Amino acid sequence: MFAIIQTGGKQYRVQEGDVIRVESLQGEAGDKLDLTPLFVGGDKALFGDAVAKFVVNAEVVEHGRGEKIYIRKYKSGVQYRRRTGHRQDYTAIKILGIKG
C-alpha cells in the first residue's frame, strides 16, 4: 500500500518504512506526525472522500541542511559577475504506517 502526501508545497509518494526529506517541519527528533494523504493506492485506488478516513503516521528522524547550491549571474560586456550560495533546510521523516 502506498499514499501520496503533500507537505511544503510538494507531493511525495510514500510507503511504510520510507525515509524522505521534506521542507522543514516543527518538532524534535522522535516526535510523531500525522499527515493527511491526497491519494491511497494498493489493491484499490482511493481518492476524494474515501481518503478522508486514512492517516499517514510518521516520525521525525532528523533536521539538517542540504548540499550547497551555487548561483552565478553574468552579463557580458559590462564585467558583471556574482556568485552566491544557498543551503536548503530539511526534515527527514520516517513513514511508520498508513492507517485507515
Protein backbone atom coordinates (compact mmCIF):
# COMPACT_ATOMS: atom_id res chain seq x y z
CA MET A 1 0.00 0.00 0.00
CA PHE A 2 1.24 3.49 -0.82
CA ALA A 3 -0.01 7.03 -0.33
CA ILE A 4 0.56 10.44 -1.88
CA ILE A 5 1.11 13.14 0.76
CA GLN A 6 1.63 16.88 0.40
CA THR A 7 3.91 18.94 2.60
CA GLY A 8 5.91 22.07 1.92
CA GLY A 9 4.12 22.64 -1.39
CA LYS A 10 5.41 19.35 -2.82
CA GLN A 11 3.87 15.91 -3.19
CA TYR A 12 5.59 12.67 -2.21
CA ARG A 13 4.77 9.01 -2.88
CA VAL A 14 5.42 7.09 0.36
CA GLN A 15 5.20 3.53 1.67
CA GLU A 16 5.66 2.12 5.14
CA GLY A 17 9.34 2.21 6.13
CA ASP A 18 10.37 5.01 3.72
CA VAL A 19 12.63 7.80 4.96
CA ILE A 20 12.13 11.01 2.97
CA ARG A 21 13.48 14.55 3.18
CA VAL A 22 10.80 17.26 3.19
CA GLU A 23 10.80 21.02 3.74
CA SER A 24 11.47 21.99 7.37
CA LEU A 25 8.77 20.96 9.84
CA GLN A 26 8.27 21.80 13.51
CA GLY A 27 9.21 19.17 16.07
CA GLU A 28 12.19 17.43 17.60
CA ALA A 29 13.73 14.11 16.59
CA GLY A 30 11.45 11.31 17.74
CA ASP A 31 8.22 13.34 17.54
CA LYS A 32 5.25 11.69 15.84
CA LEU A 33 3.37 13.34 12.95
CA ASP A 34 0.01 12.57 11.38
CA LEU A 35 -0.20 13.52 7.71
CA THR A 36 -3.35 13.56 5.57
CA PRO A 37 -2.97 11.71 2.25
CA LEU A 38 -4.28 13.01 -1.07
CA PHE A 39 -4.43 9.52 -2.60
CA VAL A 40 -4.13 5.97 -1.32
CA GLY A 41 -3.23 3.11 -3.66
CA GLY A 42 -2.57 -0.57 -3.44
CA ASP A 43 -5.18 -3.24 -4.09
CA LYS A 44 -7.69 -0.44 -4.78
CA ALA A 45 -7.12 3.20 -5.65
CA LEU A 46 -8.85 5.61 -3.27
CA PHE A 47 -9.12 9.38 -3.54
CA GLY A 48 -11.56 12.14 -2.64
CA ASP A 49 -13.92 11.48 0.29
CA ALA A 50 -12.78 7.86 0.70
CA VAL A 51 -9.27 9.02 1.64
CA ALA A 52 -10.57 11.24 4.47
CA LYS A 53 -10.63 8.18 6.75
CA PHE A 54 -6.91 7.47 6.21
CA VAL A 55 -3.93 8.93 8.03
CA VAL A 56 -0.19 8.53 7.40
CA ASN A 57 1.80 8.13 10.62
CA ALA A 58 5.36 9.47 10.52
CA GLU A 59 8.24 10.15 12.88
CA VAL A 60 10.81 12.96 12.72
CA VAL A 61 14.26 11.41 12.24
CA GLU A 62 16.48 14.49 11.96
CA HIS A 63 16.77 18.10 10.89
CA GLY A 64 19.58 19.23 8.63
CA ARG A 65 20.76 21.30 5.72
CA GLY A 66 21.19 20.10 2.15
CA GLU A 67 24.20 20.47 -0.10
CA LYS A 68 25.30 23.92 -1.14
CA ILE A 69 23.95 25.15 -4.46
CA TYR A 70 25.90 27.89 -6.21
CA ILE A 71 24.10 30.59 -8.17
CA ARG A 72 26.06 32.51 -10.79
CA LYS A 73 24.97 35.70 -12.53
CA TYR A 74 26.81 37.05 -15.55
CA LYS A 75 26.30 39.88 -18.01
CA SER A 76 28.63 40.05 -20.97
CA GLY A 77 30.42 43.24 -21.84
CA VAL A 78 29.95 45.05 -18.52
CA GLN A 79 32.18 42.94 -16.25
CA TYR A 80 29.22 41.98 -14.05
CA ARG A 81 29.73 38.69 -12.21
CA ARG A 82 28.10 37.49 -8.98
CA ARG A 83 28.30 34.18 -7.17
CA THR A 84 26.18 33.29 -4.16
CA GLY A 85 25.33 30.04 -2.43
CA HIS A 86 22.27 28.53 -0.79
CA ARG A 87 21.65 25.56 1.53
CA GLN A 88 18.05 24.45 1.98
CA ASP A 89 16.88 23.29 5.42
CA TYR A 90 15.14 19.91 5.53
CA THR A 91 13.48 17.49 7.91
CA ALA A 92 13.94 13.74 7.42
CA ILE A 93 10.82 11.78 8.34
CA LYS A 94 10.22 8.03 8.53
CA ILE A 95 6.84 6.66 7.48
CA LEU A 96 5.58 4.35 10.23
CA GLY A 97 2.35 3.26 8.59
CA ILE A 98 -0.76 4.09 6.57
CA LYS A 99 -3.86 3.53 8.68
CA GLY A 100 -7.49 3.76 7.71
